[in-house]
Structure formats: C-alpha cells, structure tokens
Amino acid sequence: MSETDFTTALRERFPGVTERPSLDLAAFNCPFGELRDILRFLRDEAGFDMLMDVTAIDAYEESPRFTVVYHLFSTSRHEYVRVAAPCEDDVEPRAPSVADLWPAGDWHERETYDMFGITFTGHPDLRRILMWDGYPYFPLRKEFPLAGHEVDLPGADVAERTGAKVLPAPMMGGPFHAPQKGPMSRREPRADDESWTETREKDAAQALPDGPRDFKHSDT
C-alpha cells in the first residue's frame, strides 16, 4: 500500500482524521477516542509494523494541554507516518497503551510518562525509566525550569547521612539559544557567553558557540 493509498484508506475508515502540518512526513491529527483503532489500522492494514517513538507536546496555557505523538515506520516500504491525538484531561493526562500492539511501546510509554506525566492506561509495568521512583516533577513539562529543581537525593539513607541534595544546574551565561543549523551535537541550547566555564574570560568572538552573533536576529 503506497502513501497515497493508505492516506485515502485512513480517511475513508476514520472520517474524523485530519492532516497535520508537517515538513518531513505524512502526519495526521486523530480523535482521541479512535486512537488505538487508528494505530491498529496503520499496523495491520497499512504496513506500519515498527513503532519508532512515542512522545508528547505540552501546549502549557492552552487546552487541550497535552498531545501524544506516535511515529511509525514501514519496514517494507521505508515510509514514516506521524499520528497525534490530544489528551482529554489537562490535569491528569491519559492515553491508551499500545504496548500490546508494538512491544517497543513499553519503554517508549514509560519515558513519556516519566518526562511528561502522561499515564498510559493498560501498560503492563508503568514506572519511571529515567528519573528515580518518587521524583516529584516531570522534566519536559513547560513549567519545569531549564536548570531543574532542588530535590532530596533518591536514597533517603544517603540523604540523611550526607545532608546533600540534588541541586539545580548553574545557569550563568544566558540568554540561551538552540542553533537550527549544523550537526545535532551542536544544536543543544547553549549560552551566548560561556566564559563562566573557563578559568579566564574569552573575547566576544570566542565566547559564542557558533562565532559572532547578531543578538537581534539570533537562532531561537
């Protein structure tokens, strides 16, 4: 089934599906109540046999606040498709688990739960995968500060003995920018002035990760 064929079949089977703006691959917005049926159709009838990723979008002050996003791949046609569906609850967002459709959904959903706080109902073992059990925040939510929060160490006995905490990262040297060009290794947010990490101050040209920058037209 070609991209044109599966797109037509998808719309015929699920009239509520709409195209989602995308610059790289076929993408669709799906009604939340039909999400599992749509994903099953894409797997069984459209040949998208590999679940590449499960992630989410936090619209923060908008409603619906959270949108779950799935990236599927067809190993026979070498095609991708993106599927997005808004969660119905802004306070306690939930989405149906697809771990029974694709085994890879197990860890993908655990990561999205860990980072965004979205509960995947029906997941066989939904627990944190990056942060420790009991960590009180969700690091990819918009209200989470870039530097992080000060929290107790995950081991209560270690915290009691040392009196130490997990401290926020130092954030001197801002403002921060994420360059939109170049290799991914150089596209993480970086400070305009990184001289605070050195033993001696750099000049203006050396301090910038991509050379001199016109701050009025910086990459953000």
C-alpha atoms as a PDB file:
ATOM      1  CA  MET A   1       0.000   0.000   0.000  1.00  0.00           C
ATOM      2  CA  SER A   2       1.549   3.311  -1.099  1.00  0.00           C
ATOM      3  CA  GLU A   3       1.432   6.556   0.873  1.00  0.00           C
ATOM      4  CA  THR A   4      -1.445   7.785  -1.307  1.00  0.00           C
ATOM      5  CA  ASP A   5      -3.336   4.517  -0.826  1.00  0.00           C
ATOM      6  CA  PHE A   6      -3.007   4.357   2.966  1.00  0.00           C
ATOM      7  CA  THR A   7      -3.866   8.045   3.323  1.00  0.00           C
ATOM      8  CA  THR A   8      -7.051   7.590   1.318  1.00  0.00           C
ATOM      9  CA  ALA A   9      -7.974   4.409   3.161  1.00  0.00           C
ATOM     10  CA  LEU A  10      -7.320   6.049   6.531  1.00  0.00           C
ATOM     11  CA  ARG A  11      -9.640   8.963   5.785  1.00  0.00           C
ATOM     12  CA  GLU A  12     -12.353   6.686   4.458  1.00  0.00           C
ATOM     13  CA  ARG A  13     -12.226   4.432   7.515  1.00  0.00           C
ATOM     14  CA  PHE A  14     -11.876   7.295  10.039  1.00  0.00           C
ATOM     15  CA  PRO A  15     -13.568  10.493   8.780  1.00  0.00           C
ATOM     16  CA  GLY A  16     -12.503  12.386  11.912  1.00  0.00           C
ATOM     17  CA  VAL A  17      -8.836  12.178  10.931  1.00  0.00           C
ATOM     18  CA  THR A  18      -7.351  15.446   9.623  1.00  0.00           C
ATOM     19  CA  GLU A  19      -4.000  16.300   8.102  1.00  0.00           C
ATOM     20  CA  ARG A  20      -1.404  17.693  10.485  1.00  0.00           C
ATOM     21  CA  PRO A  21       1.047  20.341   9.203  1.00  0.00           C
ATOM     22  CA  SER A  22       4.373  18.630   8.530  1.00  0.00           C
ATOM     23  CA  LEU A  23       7.516  19.409   6.557  1.00  0.00           C
ATOM     24  CA  ASP A  24       9.022  15.929   6.604  1.00  0.00           C
ATOM     25  CA  LEU A  25       6.456  13.103   6.510  1.00  0.00           C
ATOM     26  CA  ALA A  26       2.778  12.232   6.359  1.00  0.00           C
ATOM     27  CA  ALA A  27       1.116  13.383   9.583  1.00  0.00           C
ATOM     28  CA  PHE A  28      -2.414  13.248  10.972  1.00  0.00           C
ATOM     29  CA  ASN A  29      -4.464  14.534  13.884  1.00  0.00           C
ATOM     30  CA  CYS A  30      -6.686  11.792  15.281  1.00  0.00           C
ATOM     31  CA  PRO A  31      -9.761  11.839  17.528  1.00  0.00           C
ATOM     32  CA  PHE A  32      -8.652  10.619  20.939  1.00  0.00           C
ATOM     33  CA  GLY A  33     -11.404   8.020  21.224  1.00  0.00           C
ATOM     34  CA  GLU A  34     -10.317   6.345  17.973  1.00  0.00           C
ATOM     35  CA  LEU A  35      -6.569   6.462  18.608  1.00  0.00           C
ATOM     36  CA  ARG A  36      -5.994   2.743  19.221  1.00  0.00           C
ATOM     37  CA  ASP A  37      -8.212   1.733  16.296  1.00  0.00           C
ATOM     38  CA  ILE A  38      -6.305   4.100  14.003  1.00  0.00           C
ATOM     39  CA  LEU A  39      -2.923   2.843  15.160  1.00  0.00           C
ATOM     40  CA  ARG A  40      -4.060  -0.761  14.762  1.00  0.00           C
ATOM     41  CA  PHE A  41      -5.251   0.019  11.226  1.00  0.00           C
ATOM     42  CA  LEU A  42      -1.901   1.565  10.361  1.00  0.00           C
ATOM     43  CA  ARG A  43      -0.118  -1.516  11.693  1.00  0.00           C
ATOM     44  CA  ASP A  44      -2.331  -4.259  10.272  1.00  0.00           C
ATOM     45  CA  GLU A  45      -3.590  -2.778   7.008  1.00  0.00           C
ATOM     46  CA  ALA A  46      -1.134  -0.041   6.079  1.00  0.00           C
ATOM     47  CA  GLY A  47       2.028  -1.979   6.922  1.00  0.00           C
ATOM     48  CA  PHE A  48       3.499   0.289   9.615  1.00  0.00           C
ATOM     49  CA  ASP A  49       4.983  -2.575  11.562  1.00  0.00           C
ATOM     50  CA  MET A  50       7.533  -0.640  13.651  1.00  0.00           C
ATOM     51  CA  LEU A  51       6.820   1.852  16.420  1.00  0.00           C
ATOM     52  CA  MET A  52       9.758   4.251  16.306  1.00  0.00           C
ATOM     53  CA  ASP A  53       8.796   6.677  19.041  1.00  0.00           C
ATOM     54  CA  VAL A  54       6.108   7.803  21.478  1.00  0.00           C
ATOM     55  CA  THR A  55       6.386  11.357  22.750  1.00  0.00           C
ATOM     56  CA  ALA A  56       4.178  14.302  23.667  1.00  0.00           C
ATOM     57  CA  ILE A  57       3.637  18.027  23.239  1.00  0.00           C
ATOM     58  CA  ASP A  58       2.895  20.361  26.145  1.00  0.00           C
ATOM     59  CA  ALA A  59       0.892  23.389  24.976  1.00  0.00           C
ATOM     60  CA  TYR A  60       1.043  24.693  28.573  1.00  0.00           C
ATOM     61  CA  GLU A  61      -1.529  27.518  28.805  1.00  0.00           C
ATOM     62  CA  GLU A  62      -3.758  26.109  26.066  1.00  0.00           C
ATOM     63  CA  SER A  63      -6.394  23.383  26.233  1.00  0.00           C
ATOM     64  CA  PRO A  64      -6.082  20.573  25.428  1.00  0.00           C
ATOM     65  CA  ARG A  65      -2.684  20.949  27.028  1.00  0.00           C
ATOM     66  CA  PHE A  66      -1.082  17.593  26.166  1.00  0.00           C
ATOM     67  CA  THR A  67      -0.924  15.815  22.820  1.00  0.00           C
ATOM     68  CA  VAL A  68       0.526  12.321  22.456  1.00  0.00           C
ATOM     69  CA  VAL A  69       2.547  11.759  19.281  1.00  0.00           C
ATOM     70  CA  TYR A  70       3.446   8.447  17.625  1.00  0.00           C
ATOM     71  CA  HIS A  71       5.996   7.877  14.868  1.00  0.00           C
ATOM     72  CA  LEU A  72       5.512   4.682  12.867  1.00  0.00           C
ATOM     73  CA  PHE A  73       7.707   3.117  10.192  1.00  0.00           C
ATOM     74  CA  SER A  74       7.011   0.600   7.439  1.00  0.00           C
ATOM     75  CA  THR A  75       9.987  -1.710   7.062  1.00  0.00           C
ATOM     76  CA  SER A  76       8.680  -2.946   3.699  1.00  0.00           C
ATOM     77  CA  ARG A  77       8.126   0.475   2.059  1.00  0.00           C
ATOM     78  CA  HIS A  78      10.577   2.560   4.109  1.00  0.00           C
ATOM     79  CA  GLU A  79       7.883   5.125   4.895  1.00  0.00           C
ATOM     80  CA  TYR A  80       7.125   7.036   8.083  1.00  0.00           C
ATOM     81  CA  VAL A  81       3.889   8.422   9.436  1.00  0.00           C
ATOM     82  CA  ARG A  82       3.191  10.684  12.410  1.00  0.00           C
ATOM     83  CA  VAL A  83      -0.026  10.368  14.429  1.00  0.00           C
ATOM     84  CA  ALA A  84      -1.079  12.882  17.079  1.00  0.00           C
ATOM     85  CA  ALA A  85      -4.039  12.876  19.456  1.00  0.00           C
ATOM     86  CA  PRO A  86      -4.941  15.366  22.219  1.00  0.00           C
ATOM     87  CA  CYS A  87      -5.360  14.060  25.759  1.00  0.00           C
ATOM     88  CA  GLU A  88      -8.785  14.774  27.193  1.00  0.00           C
ATOM     89  CA  ASP A  89      -7.640  15.804  30.701  1.00  0.00           C
ATOM     90  CA  ASP A  90      -5.234  18.726  31.181  1.00  0.00           C
ATOM     91  CA  VAL A  91      -4.569  17.937  34.860  1.00  0.00           C
ATOM     92  CA  GLU A  92      -4.190  14.145  34.768  1.00  0.00           C
ATOM     93  CA  PRO A  93      -3.497  13.359  31.102  1.00  0.00           C
ATOM     94  CA  ARG A  94      -4.037   9.783  29.969  1.00  0.00           C
ATOM     95  CA  ALA A  95      -3.653   7.801  26.773  1.00  0.00           C
ATOM     96  CA  PRO A  96      -4.264   4.139  25.937  1.00  0.00           C
ATOM     97  CA  SER A  97      -1.186   1.942  25.942  1.00  0.00           C
ATOM     98  CA  VAL A  98      -0.070   0.422  22.639  1.00  0.00           C
ATOM     99  CA  ALA A  99       2.485  -1.918  24.211  1.00  0.00           C
ATOM    100  CA  ASP A 100       0.307  -4.842  23.156  1.00  0.00           C
ATOM    101  CA  LEU A 101       0.377  -3.644  19.519  1.00  0.00           C
ATOM    102  CA  TRP A 102       4.128  -2.964  19.422  1.00  0.00           C
ATOM    103  CA  PRO A 103       6.391  -4.362  22.177  1.00  0.00           C
ATOM    104  CA  ALA A 104       8.606  -1.265  21.785  1.00  0.00           C
ATOM    105  CA  GLY A 105       5.719   0.764  23.195  1.00  0.00           C
ATOM    106  CA  ASP A 106       6.644  -0.500  26.680  1.00  0.00           C
ATOM    107  CA  TRP A 107       9.767   1.632  27.124  1.00  0.00           C
ATOM    108  CA  HIS A 108       8.599   4.468  24.854  1.00  0.00           C
ATOM    109  CA  GLU A 109       5.497   4.971  27.006  1.00  0.00           C
ATOM    110  CA  ARG A 110       7.498   4.746  30.222  1.00  0.00           C
ATOM    111  CA  GLU A 111       9.748   7.550  29.008  1.00  0.00           C
ATOM    112  CA  THR A 112       6.786   9.749  28.041  1.00  0.00           C
ATOM    113  CA  TYR A 113       5.182   9.039  31.406  1.00  0.00           C
ATOM    114  CA  ASP A 114       8.445   9.893  33.166  1.00  0.00           C
ATOM    115  CA  MET A 115       9.074  13.147  31.278  1.00  0.00           C
ATOM    116  CA  PHE A 116       5.507  14.467  30.741  1.00  0.00           C
ATOM    117  CA  GLY A 117       3.428  12.742  33.412  1.00  0.00           C
ATOM    118  CA  ILE A 118       1.042  11.142  30.898  1.00  0.00           C
ATOM    119  CA  THR A 119      -0.413   7.884  32.223  1.00  0.00           C
ATOM    120  CA  PHE A 120      -0.765   5.094  29.667  1.00  0.00           C
ATOM    121  CA  THR A 121      -3.736   3.001  30.712  1.00  0.00           C
ATOM    122  CA  GLY A 122      -3.281  -0.721  30.213  1.00  0.00           C
ATOM    123  CA  HIS A 123       0.523  -0.531  30.277  1.00  0.00           C
ATOM    124  CA  PRO A 124       1.979  -3.709  31.788  1.00  0.00           C
ATOM    125  CA  ASP A 125       4.575  -2.012  34.012  1.00  0.00           C
ATOM    126  CA  LEU A 126       4.237   1.792  34.011  1.00  0.00           C
ATOM    127  CA  ARG A 127       7.027   3.244  36.144  1.00  0.00           C
ATOM    128  CA  ARG A 128       9.752   5.815  35.698  1.00  0.00           C
ATOM    129  CA  ILE A 129      12.612   4.910  33.401  1.00  0.00           C
ATOM    130  CA  LEU A 130      14.978   7.920  33.607  1.00  0.00           C
ATOM    131  CA  MET A 131      14.198   9.625  36.920  1.00  0.00           C
ATOM    132  CA  TRP A 132      14.032   7.713  40.181  1.00  0.00           C
ATOM    133  CA  ASP A 133      10.811   6.469  41.774  1.00  0.00           C
ATOM    134  CA  GLY A 134       9.306   9.210  43.894  1.00  0.00           C
ATOM    135  CA  TYR A 135      10.773  12.082  41.843  1.00  0.00           C
ATOM    136  CA  PRO A 136       8.051  14.741  42.142  1.00  0.00           C
ATOM    137  CA  TYR A 137       8.400  16.520  38.768  1.00  0.00           C
ATOM    138  CA  PHE A 138       8.091  15.891  35.045  1.00  0.00           C
ATOM    139  CA  PRO A 139      11.152  17.435  33.376  1.00  0.00           C
ATOM    140  CA  LEU A 140       9.704  18.032  29.886  1.00  0.00           C
ATOM    141  CA  ARG A 141       6.657  19.934  31.059  1.00  0.00           C
ATOM    142  CA  LYS A 142       6.836  23.609  30.175  1.00  0.00           C
ATOM    143  CA  GLU A 143       6.778  24.823  33.788  1.00  0.00           C
ATOM    144  CA  PHE A 144       9.893  22.806  34.649  1.00  0.00           C
ATOM    145  CA  PRO A 145      12.842  25.235  34.778  1.00  0.00           C
ATOM    146  CA  LEU A 146      15.796  24.711  32.462  1.00  0.00           C
ATOM    147  CA  ALA A 147      18.131  24.464  35.465  1.00  0.00           C
ATOM    148  CA  GLY A 148      15.924  21.929  37.275  1.00  0.00           C
ATOM    149  CA  HIS A 149      14.654  21.870  40.882  1.00  0.00           C
ATOM    150  CA  GLU A 150      16.471  21.286  44.137  1.00  0.00           C
ATOM    151  CA  VAL A 151      15.279  17.931  45.497  1.00  0.00           C
ATOM    152  CA  ASP A 152      16.338  15.357  48.050  1.00  0.00           C
ATOM    153  CA  LEU A 153      18.657  12.575  46.951  1.00  0.00           C
ATOM    154  CA  PRO A 154      16.771   9.454  45.842  1.00  0.00           C
ATOM    155  CA  GLY A 155      18.288   7.357  48.642  1.00  0.00           C
ATOM    156  CA  ALA A 156      16.819   8.516  51.968  1.00  0.00           C
ATOM    157  CA  ASP A 157      19.662   6.917  53.927  1.00  0.00           C
ATOM    158  CA  VAL A 158      22.283   8.674  51.770  1.00  0.00           C
ATOM    159  CA  ALA A 159      20.463  11.992  52.044  1.00  0.00           C
ATOM    160  CA  GLU A 160      20.273  11.681  55.836  1.00  0.00           C
ATOM    161  CA  ARG A 161      23.946  10.787  56.192  1.00  0.00           C
ATOM    162  CA  THR A 162      25.327  13.386  53.777  1.00  0.00           C
ATOM    163  CA  GLY A 163      22.808  16.177  54.223  1.00  0.00           C
ATOM    164  CA  ALA A 164      23.194  16.791  50.483  1.00  0.00           C
ATOM    165  CA  LYS A 165      20.567  17.466  47.847  1.00  0.00           C
ATOM    166  CA  VAL A 166      20.282  17.254  44.075  1.00  0.00           C
ATOM    167  CA  LEU A 167      20.984  20.869  43.116  1.00  0.00           C
ATOM    168  CA  PRO A 168      19.799  22.823  40.066  1.00  0.00           C
ATOM    169  CA  ALA A 169      22.358  23.262  37.310  1.00  0.00           C
ATOM    170  CA  PRO A 170      24.157  26.624  37.272  1.00  0.00           C
ATOM    171  CA  MET A 171      22.614  28.829  34.600  1.00  0.00           C
ATOM    172  CA  MET A 172      25.058  31.733  34.328  1.00  0.00           C
ATOM    173  CA  GLY A 173      25.938  32.908  30.872  1.00  0.00           C
ATOM    174  CA  GLY A 174      22.467  33.246  29.320  1.00  0.00           C
ATOM    175  CA  PRO A 175      20.491  34.003  27.300  1.00  0.00           C
ATOM    176  CA  PHE A 176      20.403  30.550  25.757  1.00  0.00           C
ATOM    177  CA  HIS A 177      19.860  29.681  22.106  1.00  0.00           C
ATOM    178  CA  ALA A 178      19.376  26.438  20.173  1.00  0.00           C
ATOM    179  CA  PRO A 179      21.102  26.796  16.780  1.00  0.00           C
ATOM    180  CA  GLN A 180      18.948  25.490  13.937  1.00  0.00           C
ATOM    181  CA  LYS A 181      21.826  24.528  11.642  1.00  0.00           C
ATOM    182  CA  GLY A 182      24.781  22.186  11.883  1.00  0.00           C
ATOM    183  CA  PRO A 183      25.200  18.722  13.448  1.00  0.00           C
ATOM    184  CA  MET A 184      22.877  17.701  16.290  1.00  0.00           C
ATOM    185  CA  SER A 185      25.820  17.691  18.706  1.00  0.00           C
ATOM    186  CA  ARG A 186      25.947  21.482  18.346  1.00  0.00           C
ATOM    187  CA  ARG A 187      22.208  22.153  18.422  1.00  0.00           C
ATOM    188  CA  GLU A 188      21.571  21.790  22.130  1.00  0.00           C
ATOM    189  CA  PRO A 189      20.708  25.073  23.910  1.00  0.00           C
ATOM    190  CA  ARG A 190      23.923  26.964  24.617  1.00  0.00           C
ATOM    191  CA  ALA A 191      24.755  30.192  26.351  1.00  0.00           C
ATOM    192  CA  ASP A 192      25.797  33.209  24.308  1.00  0.00           C
ATOM    193  CA  ASP A 193      28.573  33.836  26.823  1.00  0.00           C
ATOM    194  CA  GLU A 194      30.187  30.622  28.071  1.00  0.00           C
ATOM    195  CA  SER A 195      33.164  32.328  29.685  1.00  0.00           C
ATOM    196  CA  TRP A 196      31.877  31.414  33.178  1.00  0.00           C
ATOM    197  CA  THR A 197      33.004  27.844  32.500  1.00  0.00           C
ATOM    198  CA  GLU A 198      36.605  28.893  31.873  1.00  0.00           C
ATOM    199  CA  THR A 199      39.409  29.997  34.172  1.00  0.00           C
ATOM    200  CA  ARG A 200      39.906  33.166  32.145  1.00  0.00           C
ATOM    201  CA  GLU A 201      37.452  35.319  30.233  1.00  0.00           C
ATOM    202  CA  LYS A 202      37.086  34.814  26.482  1.00  0.00           C
ATOM    203  CA  ASP A 203      36.719  37.605  23.994  1.00  0.00           C
ATOM    204  CA  ALA A 204      33.282  38.101  22.383  1.00  0.00           C
ATOM    205  CA  ALA A 205      34.001  36.003  19.271  1.00  0.00           C
ATOM    206  CA  GLN A 206      35.359  33.035  21.259  1.00  0.00           C
ATOM    207  CA  ALA A 207      32.523  33.070  23.787  1.00  0.00           C
ATOM    208  CA  LEU A 208      29.845  32.179  21.236  1.00  0.00           C
ATOM    209  CA  PRO A 209      29.394  28.526  20.204  1.00  0.00           C
ATOM    210  CA  ASP A 210      28.879  29.450  16.540  1.00  0.00           C
ATOM    211  CA  GLY A 211      31.105  32.514  16.285  1.00  0.00           C
ATOM    212  CA  PRO A 212      29.948  36.152  16.436  1.00  0.00           C
ATOM    213  CA  ARG A 213      26.189  36.543  16.537  1.00  0.00           C
ATOM    214  CA  ASP A 214      23.827  39.429  15.920  1.00  0.00           C
ATOM    215  CA  PHE A 215      21.702  39.116  19.061  1.00  0.00           C
ATOM    216  CA  LYS A 216      18.758  40.851  17.428  1.00  0.00           C
ATOM    217  CA  HIS A 217      18.496  38.005  14.921  1.00  0.00           C
ATOM    218  CA  SER A 218      19.683  35.030  16.972  1.00  0.00           C
ATOM    219  CA  ASP A 219      18.522  31.464  16.452  1.00  0.00           C
ATOM    220  CA  THR A 220      15.745  30.719  18.955  1.00  0.00           C
END
